[in-house]
Amino acid sequence: MKQFFQKTTLLFFILFLVSCNFTESIDIQDDGSGKYAVEVDASGLLAMGGDKIGDKIGLKGDNKVLDSVISFKTIFENKKDSIALLSPEKQAALKGLENTVMHMKMDPNKKEFLIAMNSPFEKITELQNLMEGFTVLQDLKKSKTSQSSKSPFGGGFGDNNSKLSFSYDGKTFSRNVELIKEKQVVADSTGMSKMLFASSTYTLKYHFPKPVKSTSNPEALFSGDRQTITVRYPFSEYMDNPEKLNLNVVFE
């Protein structure tokens, strides 16, 4: 389990040091079930010496082509003895990740590096368990985390001082970011963080079983049937002010 955490931590640490495009998507069905997914396009990394990434995450040989699906449930089952040593609260939080599947695809020859995490849910409130599971992963690696490893998942892979939650009742939908502690400003004399994140984007793409009547974000884009909305922000802006992507939706 330690090796899994180390490699996963290293991978996300690398991603958050370079220009990446993040897409957070939710697809809700008529019965309220659905799928939550986060996709990361880090193809730009391969143009910045990314050929060495394969070595760092354990790939062998010269090809360095990766197309792998990782089931958190299988990993946790294989490491159940190690998990049993955690507190009951942390064990329960990790259980919220059991249905999560991560797909990693890297091909240096095609300059392609994609990561997708998918989590099905029966009710959208289950996403809170998912976020708590990511919080535990964050805690387990916190001692080796740097300021540069921030991520958009409040209480998740990194820390932007916020807590993310969702709600859906068939009439309305909300994405709410709550600041949980005072933001600590760390000086960046080189401006490197802003440079790295300058070309990165964070996109929300949500699909609903019925047309959207109105949304709180005036910059939201609608599909032709008004059942899908898309909101895009510069990644650096979102990290500085995660509440910018708060969203309230009313259905027809």
C-alpha atoms as a PDB file:
ATOM      1  CA  MET A   1       0.000   0.000   0.000  1.00  0.00           C
ATOM      2  CA  LYS A   2       2.865   2.340   0.777  1.00  0.00           C
ATOM      3  CA  GLN A   3       4.280   1.864  -2.715  1.00  0.00           C
ATOM      4  CA  PHE A   4       0.882   2.582  -4.290  1.00  0.00           C
ATOM      5  CA  PHE A   5       0.514   5.808  -2.318  1.00  0.00           C
ATOM      6  CA  GLN A   6       4.048   6.886  -3.157  1.00  0.00           C
ATOM      7  CA  LYS A   7       3.611   6.369  -6.900  1.00  0.00           C
ATOM      8  CA  THR A   8       0.174   7.986  -6.965  1.00  0.00           C
ATOM      9  CA  THR A   9       1.453  10.917  -4.931  1.00  0.00           C
ATOM     10  CA  LEU A  10       4.452  11.348  -7.215  1.00  0.00           C
ATOM     11  CA  LEU A  11       2.275  11.251 -10.305  1.00  0.00           C
ATOM     12  CA  PHE A  12      -0.077  13.950  -9.083  1.00  0.00           C
ATOM     13  CA  PHE A  13       2.802  16.012  -7.732  1.00  0.00           C
ATOM     14  CA  ILE A  14       4.317  16.026 -11.216  1.00  0.00           C
ATOM     15  CA  LEU A  15       0.997  16.914 -12.826  1.00  0.00           C
ATOM     16  CA  PHE A  16       0.429  19.914 -10.590  1.00  0.00           C
ATOM     17  CA  LEU A  17       3.864  21.288 -11.447  1.00  0.00           C
ATOM     18  CA  VAL A  18       3.081  21.617 -15.133  1.00  0.00           C
ATOM     19  CA  SER A  19       0.429  23.020 -17.411  1.00  0.00           C
ATOM     20  CA  CYS A  20      -2.579  20.689 -17.374  1.00  0.00           C
ATOM     21  CA  ASN A  21      -6.218  20.929 -18.311  1.00  0.00           C
ATOM     22  CA  PHE A  22      -8.695  19.552 -15.788  1.00  0.00           C
ATOM     23  CA  THR A  23     -12.288  18.587 -16.544  1.00  0.00           C
ATOM     24  CA  GLU A  24     -14.714  17.732 -13.755  1.00  0.00           C
ATOM     25  CA  SER A  25     -17.850  16.091 -15.097  1.00  0.00           C
ATOM     26  CA  ILE A  26     -21.072  14.757 -13.620  1.00  0.00           C
ATOM     27  CA  ASP A  27     -23.665  12.778 -15.553  1.00  0.00           C
ATOM     28  CA  ILE A  28     -26.971  12.450 -13.644  1.00  0.00           C
ATOM     29  CA  GLN A  29     -29.672   9.999 -14.713  1.00  0.00           C
ATOM     30  CA  ASP A  30     -33.459  10.213 -14.223  1.00  0.00           C
ATOM     31  CA  ASP A  31     -33.344   8.214 -10.972  1.00  0.00           C
ATOM     32  CA  GLY A  32     -30.656  10.455  -9.463  1.00  0.00           C
ATOM     33  CA  SER A  33     -27.806   8.005  -9.970  1.00  0.00           C
ATOM     34  CA  GLY A  34     -24.874   8.892 -12.160  1.00  0.00           C
ATOM     35  CA  LYS A  35     -21.134   9.131 -12.635  1.00  0.00           C
ATOM     36  CA  TYR A  36     -18.572  11.597 -11.338  1.00  0.00           C
ATOM     37  CA  ALA A  37     -15.343  11.900 -13.302  1.00  0.00           C
ATOM     38  CA  VAL A  38     -12.205  13.974 -13.321  1.00  0.00           C
ATOM     39  CA  GLU A  39     -10.053  14.003 -16.431  1.00  0.00           C
ATOM     40  CA  VAL A  40      -6.567  15.459 -16.618  1.00  0.00           C
ATOM     41  CA  ASP A  41      -4.887  16.201 -19.930  1.00  0.00           C
ATOM     42  CA  ALA A  42      -1.185  16.463 -19.132  1.00  0.00           C
ATOM     43  CA  SER A  43       0.036  15.948 -22.682  1.00  0.00           C
ATOM     44  CA  GLY A  44       2.016  19.167 -22.431  1.00  0.00           C
ATOM     45  CA  LEU A  45       4.224  17.452 -19.859  1.00  0.00           C
ATOM     46  CA  LEU A  46       5.753  15.234 -22.528  1.00  0.00           C
ATOM     47  CA  ALA A  47       7.128  18.321 -24.250  1.00  0.00           C
ATOM     48  CA  MET A  48       8.960  19.244 -21.024  1.00  0.00           C
ATOM     49  CA  GLY A  49      11.178  16.203 -20.586  1.00  0.00           C
ATOM     50  CA  GLY A  50       8.193  13.982 -19.875  1.00  0.00           C
ATOM     51  CA  ASP A  51      10.022  11.009 -21.359  1.00  0.00           C
ATOM     52  CA  LYS A  52      11.505  10.509 -17.893  1.00  0.00           C
ATOM     53  CA  ILE A  53       8.100  10.233 -16.225  1.00  0.00           C
ATOM     54  CA  GLY A  54       7.904   6.546 -17.082  1.00  0.00           C
ATOM     55  CA  ASP A  55      11.015   5.876 -14.991  1.00  0.00           C
ATOM     56  CA  LYS A  56       9.581   7.768 -12.043  1.00  0.00           C
ATOM     57  CA  ILE A  57       6.304   5.866 -11.956  1.00  0.00           C
ATOM     58  CA  GLY A  58       7.908   2.469 -12.443  1.00  0.00           C
ATOM     59  CA  LEU A  59       7.731   1.783 -16.193  1.00  0.00           C
ATOM     60  CA  LYS A  60      10.528  -0.368 -17.582  1.00  0.00           C
ATOM     61  CA  GLY A  61      12.120  -0.503 -21.020  1.00  0.00           C
ATOM     62  CA  ASP A  62      12.463   2.049 -23.777  1.00  0.00           C
ATOM     63  CA  ASN A  63       8.873   2.205 -24.995  1.00  0.00           C
ATOM     64  CA  LYS A  64       7.352   3.892 -21.941  1.00  0.00           C
ATOM     65  CA  VAL A  65       3.834   3.403 -23.300  1.00  0.00           C
ATOM     66  CA  LEU A  66       1.246   3.062 -20.548  1.00  0.00           C
ATOM     67  CA  ASP A  67      -2.431   2.125 -20.797  1.00  0.00           C
ATOM     68  CA  SER A  68      -3.527   0.989 -17.390  1.00  0.00           C
ATOM     69  CA  VAL A  69      -6.764   0.762 -15.387  1.00  0.00           C
ATOM     70  CA  ILE A  70      -6.452   0.849 -11.610  1.00  0.00           C
ATOM     71  CA  SER A  71      -9.327  -0.286  -9.382  1.00  0.00           C
ATOM     72  CA  PHE A  72      -9.168   1.219  -5.912  1.00  0.00           C
ATOM     73  CA  LYS A  73     -11.374  -1.597  -4.591  1.00  0.00           C
ATOM     74  CA  THR A  74      -8.880  -4.236  -5.751  1.00  0.00           C
ATOM     75  CA  ILE A  75      -5.960  -2.308  -4.284  1.00  0.00           C
ATOM     76  CA  PHE A  76      -7.696  -1.881  -0.934  1.00  0.00           C
ATOM     77  CA  GLU A  77      -8.606  -5.576  -0.853  1.00  0.00           C
ATOM     78  CA  ASN A  78      -4.986  -6.550  -1.490  1.00  0.00           C
ATOM     79  CA  LYS A  79      -3.831  -4.159   1.229  1.00  0.00           C
ATOM     80  CA  LYS A  80      -6.588  -4.837   3.746  1.00  0.00           C
ATOM     81  CA  ASP A  81      -4.096  -5.748   6.486  1.00  0.00           C
ATOM     82  CA  SER A  82      -2.395  -2.359   6.164  1.00  0.00           C
ATOM     83  CA  ILE A  83      -5.719  -0.530   6.043  1.00  0.00           C
ATOM     84  CA  ALA A  84      -6.799  -2.341   9.211  1.00  0.00           C
ATOM     85  CA  LEU A  85      -4.045  -0.459  11.057  1.00  0.00           C
ATOM     86  CA  LEU A  86      -5.703   2.895  10.272  1.00  0.00           C
ATOM     87  CA  SER A  87      -8.307   4.477  12.510  1.00  0.00           C
ATOM     88  CA  PRO A  88     -11.957   3.404  11.993  1.00  0.00           C
ATOM     89  CA  GLU A  89     -12.705   6.887  10.674  1.00  0.00           C
ATOM     90  CA  LYS A  90      -9.977   6.681   8.020  1.00  0.00           C
ATOM     91  CA  GLN A  91     -10.998   3.165   7.061  1.00  0.00           C
ATOM     92  CA  ALA A  92     -14.583   4.332   6.550  1.00  0.00           C
ATOM     93  CA  ALA A  93     -13.381   7.283   4.475  1.00  0.00           C
ATOM     94  CA  LEU A  94     -11.266   5.058   2.221  1.00  0.00           C
ATOM     95  CA  LYS A  95     -14.308   2.866   1.683  1.00  0.00           C
ATOM     96  CA  GLY A  96     -15.841   5.834  -0.138  1.00  0.00           C
ATOM     97  CA  LEU A  97     -13.181   5.342  -2.843  1.00  0.00           C
ATOM     98  CA  GLU A  98     -13.845   1.638  -3.426  1.00  0.00           C
ATOM     99  CA  ASN A  99     -15.837   2.149  -6.627  1.00  0.00           C
ATOM    100  CA  THR A 100     -13.345   4.596  -8.101  1.00  0.00           C
ATOM    101  CA  VAL A 101     -11.413   3.500 -11.164  1.00  0.00           C
ATOM    102  CA  MET A 102      -8.409   5.365 -12.541  1.00  0.00           C
ATOM    103  CA  HIS A 103      -7.393   5.078 -16.181  1.00  0.00           C
ATOM    104  CA  MET A 104      -3.894   6.272 -17.107  1.00  0.00           C
ATOM    105  CA  LYS A 105      -2.739   6.490 -20.698  1.00  0.00           C
ATOM    106  CA  MET A 106       0.672   7.749 -21.733  1.00  0.00           C
ATOM    107  CA  ASP A 107       2.276   7.533 -25.168  1.00  0.00           C
ATOM    108  CA  PRO A 108       5.407   9.706 -25.622  1.00  0.00           C
ATOM    109  CA  ASN A 109       5.442   9.014 -29.354  1.00  0.00           C
ATOM    110  CA  LYS A 110       1.966  10.531 -29.724  1.00  0.00           C
ATOM    111  CA  LYS A 111       2.686  13.191 -27.086  1.00  0.00           C
ATOM    112  CA  GLU A 112      -0.336  11.951 -25.159  1.00  0.00           C
ATOM    113  CA  PHE A 113      -0.699  11.760 -21.400  1.00  0.00           C
ATOM    114  CA  LEU A 114      -4.232  11.403 -20.057  1.00  0.00           C
ATOM    115  CA  ILE A 115      -5.614  10.458 -16.662  1.00  0.00           C
ATOM    116  CA  ALA A 116      -9.282   9.835 -15.916  1.00  0.00           C
ATOM    117  CA  MET A 117     -10.905   8.927 -12.607  1.00  0.00           C
ATOM    118  CA  ASN A 118     -14.466   7.645 -12.643  1.00  0.00           C
ATOM    119  CA  SER A 119     -16.770   7.068  -9.690  1.00  0.00           C
ATOM    120  CA  PRO A 120     -20.374   5.873 -10.076  1.00  0.00           C
ATOM    121  CA  PHE A 121     -22.961   6.891  -7.484  1.00  0.00           C
ATOM    122  CA  GLU A 122     -26.530   5.934  -6.577  1.00  0.00           C
ATOM    123  CA  LYS A 123     -27.197   9.310  -4.967  1.00  0.00           C
ATOM    124  CA  ILE A 124     -25.170  12.450  -5.418  1.00  0.00           C
ATOM    125  CA  THR A 125     -24.688  12.713  -1.655  1.00  0.00           C
ATOM    126  CA  GLU A 126     -22.301   9.751  -2.008  1.00  0.00           C
ATOM    127  CA  LEU A 127     -19.810  12.166  -3.550  1.00  0.00           C
ATOM    128  CA  GLN A 128     -19.190  13.529  -0.069  1.00  0.00           C
ATOM    129  CA  ASN A 129     -17.822  10.102   0.898  1.00  0.00           C
ATOM    130  CA  LEU A 130     -15.626  10.249  -2.185  1.00  0.00           C
ATOM    131  CA  MET A 131     -14.182  13.611  -1.152  1.00  0.00           C
ATOM    132  CA  GLU A 132     -13.552  12.346   2.380  1.00  0.00           C
ATOM    133  CA  GLY A 133     -11.660   9.391   0.935  1.00  0.00           C
ATOM    134  CA  PHE A 134      -9.413  11.744  -0.990  1.00  0.00           C
ATOM    135  CA  THR A 135      -8.867  13.685   2.237  1.00  0.00           C
ATOM    136  CA  VAL A 136      -7.434  10.543   3.843  1.00  0.00           C
ATOM    137  CA  LEU A 137      -5.084  10.016   0.897  1.00  0.00           C
ATOM    138  CA  GLN A 138      -3.997  13.632   1.298  1.00  0.00           C
ATOM    139  CA  ASP A 139      -3.356  13.137   5.013  1.00  0.00           C
ATOM    140  CA  LEU A 140      -1.281  10.015   4.372  1.00  0.00           C
ATOM    141  CA  LYS A 141       1.106  11.931   2.137  1.00  0.00           C
ATOM    142  CA  LYS A 142       0.920  15.363   3.755  1.00  0.00           C
ATOM    143  CA  SER A 143       4.427  15.224   5.193  1.00  0.00           C
ATOM    144  CA  LYS A 144       5.854  15.033   1.663  1.00  0.00           C
ATOM    145  CA  THR A 145       3.521  17.574   0.082  1.00  0.00           C
ATOM    146  CA  SER A 146       4.856  20.897  -1.148  1.00  0.00           C
ATOM    147  CA  GLN A 147       3.167  24.208  -1.834  1.00  0.00           C
ATOM    148  CA  SER A 148       3.358  23.444  -5.556  1.00  0.00           C
ATOM    149  CA  SER A 149       1.272  20.295  -5.265  1.00  0.00           C
ATOM    150  CA  LYS A 150      -2.026  22.102  -4.776  1.00  0.00           C
ATOM    151  CA  SER A 151      -5.013  20.710  -6.619  1.00  0.00           C
ATOM    152  CA  PRO A 152      -8.575  21.830  -7.289  1.00  0.00           C
ATOM    153  CA  PHE A 153     -10.059  19.140  -5.068  1.00  0.00           C
ATOM    154  CA  GLY A 154     -10.710  20.772  -1.703  1.00  0.00           C
ATOM    155  CA  GLY A 155      -9.912  18.130   0.866  1.00  0.00           C
ATOM    156  CA  GLY A 156      -8.741  15.885  -1.949  1.00  0.00           C
ATOM    157  CA  PHE A 157      -5.441  15.423  -3.788  1.00  0.00           C
ATOM    158  CA  GLY A 158      -4.176  18.790  -2.686  1.00  0.00           C
ATOM    159  CA  ASP A 159      -5.327  21.655  -0.539  1.00  0.00           C
ATOM    160  CA  ASN A 160      -6.874  24.927  -1.672  1.00  0.00           C
ATOM    161  CA  ASN A 161      -8.377  25.523   1.764  1.00  0.00           C
ATOM    162  CA  SER A 162     -11.853  24.455   0.760  1.00  0.00           C
ATOM    163  CA  LYS A 163     -14.463  21.718   1.047  1.00  0.00           C
ATOM    164  CA  LEU A 164     -16.455  20.644  -2.005  1.00  0.00           C
ATOM    165  CA  SER A 165     -20.031  19.315  -1.833  1.00  0.00           C
ATOM    166  CA  PHE A 166     -22.939  18.667  -4.206  1.00  0.00           C
ATOM    167  CA  SER A 167     -26.722  18.424  -3.967  1.00  0.00           C
ATOM    168  CA  TYR A 168     -29.493  17.410  -6.372  1.00  0.00           C
ATOM    169  CA  ASP A 169     -33.225  16.993  -5.727  1.00  0.00           C
ATOM    170  CA  GLY A 170     -34.638  16.833  -9.253  1.00  0.00           C
ATOM    171  CA  LYS A 171     -35.608  20.499  -9.203  1.00  0.00           C
ATOM    172  CA  THR A 172     -32.259  22.083  -8.437  1.00  0.00           C
ATOM    173  CA  PHE A 173     -28.555  21.200  -8.448  1.00  0.00           C
ATOM    174  CA  SER A 174     -25.723  22.873  -6.588  1.00  0.00           C
ATOM    175  CA  ARG A 175     -21.958  22.701  -6.467  1.00  0.00           C
ATOM    176  CA  ASN A 176     -20.751  24.404  -3.314  1.00  0.00           C
ATOM    177  CA  VAL A 177     -17.219  25.256  -2.236  1.00  0.00           C
ATOM    178  CA  GLU A 178     -16.774  26.232   1.392  1.00  0.00           C
ATOM    179  CA  LEU A 179     -13.547  27.809   2.626  1.00  0.00           C
ATOM    180  CA  ILE A 180     -12.475  25.875   5.706  1.00  0.00           C
ATOM    181  CA  LYS A 181      -9.491  27.843   6.944  1.00  0.00           C
ATOM    182  CA  GLU A 182      -7.730  31.120   6.470  1.00  0.00           C
ATOM    183  CA  LYS A 183      -5.654  31.109   3.317  1.00  0.00           C
ATOM    184  CA  GLN A 184      -1.929  31.087   3.952  1.00  0.00           C
ATOM    185  CA  VAL A 185      -0.075  33.138   1.397  1.00  0.00           C
ATOM    186  CA  VAL A 186       3.370  31.813   0.595  1.00  0.00           C
ATOM    187  CA  ALA A 187       5.750  34.129  -1.202  1.00  0.00           C
ATOM    188  CA  ASP A 188       6.785  33.065  -4.684  1.00  0.00           C
ATOM    189  CA  SER A 189       9.698  35.320  -5.540  1.00  0.00           C
ATOM    190  CA  THR A 190      10.185  33.765  -8.970  1.00  0.00           C
ATOM    191  CA  GLY A 191       6.515  33.827  -9.951  1.00  0.00           C
ATOM    192  CA  MET A 192       7.003  30.219 -11.025  1.00  0.00           C
ATOM    193  CA  SER A 193       3.638  28.970  -9.739  1.00  0.00           C
ATOM    194  CA  LYS A 194       1.704  31.546 -11.738  1.00  0.00           C
ATOM    195  CA  MET A 195       3.780  30.793 -14.815  1.00  0.00           C
ATOM    196  CA  LEU A 196       3.128  27.059 -14.551  1.00  0.00           C
ATOM    197  CA  PHE A 197      -0.603  27.458 -14.061  1.00  0.00           C
ATOM    198  CA  ALA A 198      -1.055  30.365 -16.499  1.00  0.00           C
ATOM    199  CA  SER A 199      -2.109  28.165 -19.396  1.00  0.00           C
ATOM    200  CA  SER A 200      -3.972  25.560 -17.341  1.00  0.00           C
ATOM    201  CA  THR A 201      -7.756  25.437 -17.261  1.00  0.00           C
ATOM    202  CA  TYR A 202     -10.387  23.942 -14.979  1.00  0.00           C
ATOM    203  CA  THR A 203     -13.648  22.995 -16.659  1.00  0.00           C
ATOM    204  CA  LEU A 204     -16.985  21.890 -15.249  1.00  0.00           C
ATOM    205  CA  LYS A 205     -19.136  19.815 -17.596  1.00  0.00           C
ATOM    206  CA  TYR A 206     -22.424  18.652 -16.121  1.00  0.00           C
ATOM    207  CA  HIS A 207     -25.173  16.672 -17.859  1.00  0.00           C
ATOM    208  CA  PHE A 208     -28.691  16.476 -16.402  1.00  0.00           C
ATOM    209  CA  PRO A 209     -31.775  14.382 -17.228  1.00  0.00           C
ATOM    210  CA  LYS A 210     -33.839  17.520 -17.888  1.00  0.00           C
ATOM    211  CA  PRO A 211     -33.296  20.959 -19.460  1.00  0.00           C
ATOM    212  CA  VAL A 212     -31.745  23.745 -17.407  1.00  0.00           C
ATOM    213  CA  LYS A 213     -33.938  26.789 -16.866  1.00  0.00           C
ATOM    214  CA  SER A 214     -31.330  29.006 -15.242  1.00  0.00           C
ATOM    215  CA  THR A 215     -27.902  28.949 -13.639  1.00  0.00           C
ATOM    216  CA  SER A 216     -26.126  31.253 -11.218  1.00  0.00           C
ATOM    217  CA  ASN A 217     -23.047  31.505 -13.437  1.00  0.00           C
ATOM    218  CA  PRO A 218     -23.588  33.930 -16.345  1.00  0.00           C
ATOM    219  CA  GLU A 219     -20.584  32.462 -18.186  1.00  0.00           C
ATOM    220  CA  ALA A 220     -22.053  28.950 -18.376  1.00  0.00           C
ATOM    221  CA  LEU A 221     -22.442  27.529 -21.883  1.00  0.00           C
ATOM    222  CA  PHE A 222     -25.443  25.381 -22.817  1.00  0.00           C
ATOM    223  CA  SER A 223     -25.843  22.469 -25.189  1.00  0.00           C
ATOM    224  CA  GLY A 224     -28.615  22.671 -27.795  1.00  0.00           C
ATOM    225  CA  ASP A 225     -31.043  20.730 -25.583  1.00  0.00           C
ATOM    226  CA  ARG A 226     -29.960  22.732 -22.498  1.00  0.00           C
ATOM    227  CA  GLN A 227     -29.270  19.494 -20.625  1.00  0.00           C
ATOM    228  CA  THR A 228     -25.487  19.988 -20.520  1.00  0.00           C
ATOM    229  CA  ILE A 229     -23.727  23.043 -19.142  1.00  0.00           C
ATOM    230  CA  THR A 230     -20.036  23.887 -19.347  1.00  0.00           C
ATOM    231  CA  VAL A 231     -18.092  26.396 -17.257  1.00  0.00           C
ATOM    232  CA  ARG A 232     -14.397  27.045 -17.872  1.00  0.00           C
ATOM    233  CA  TYR A 233     -11.969  29.016 -15.701  1.00  0.00           C
ATOM    234  CA  PRO A 234      -8.215  29.616 -15.664  1.00  0.00           C
ATOM    235  CA  PHE A 235      -6.769  27.140 -13.181  1.00  0.00           C
ATOM    236  CA  SER A 236      -4.780  29.800 -11.322  1.00  0.00           C
ATOM    237  CA  GLU A 237      -7.918  31.866 -10.697  1.00  0.00           C
ATOM    238  CA  TYR A 238      -9.737  28.877  -9.293  1.00  0.00           C
ATOM    239  CA  MET A 239      -6.880  27.993  -6.961  1.00  0.00           C
ATOM    240  CA  ASP A 240      -6.826  31.557  -5.646  1.00  0.00           C
ATOM    241  CA  ASN A 241     -10.598  31.716  -5.294  1.00  0.00           C
ATOM    242  CA  PRO A 242     -12.262  28.262  -5.447  1.00  0.00           C
ATOM    243  CA  GLU A 243     -15.654  29.804  -4.708  1.00  0.00           C
ATOM    244  CA  LYS A 244     -15.682  31.143  -8.257  1.00  0.00           C
ATOM    245  CA  LEU A 245     -16.936  27.763  -9.419  1.00  0.00           C
ATOM    246  CA  ASN A 246     -19.874  27.644  -7.031  1.00  0.00           C
ATOM    247  CA  LEU A 247     -22.898  26.787  -9.132  1.00  0.00           C
ATOM    248  CA  ASN A 248     -26.656  26.724  -8.618  1.00  0.00           C
ATOM    249  CA  VAL A 249     -28.892  25.261 -11.301  1.00  0.00           C
ATOM    250  CA  VAL A 250     -32.700  25.367 -11.646  1.00  0.00           C
ATOM    251  CA  PHE A 251     -34.450  22.961 -14.027  1.00  0.00           C
ATOM    252  CA  GLU A 252     -37.466  23.540 -16.235  1.00  0.00           C
END
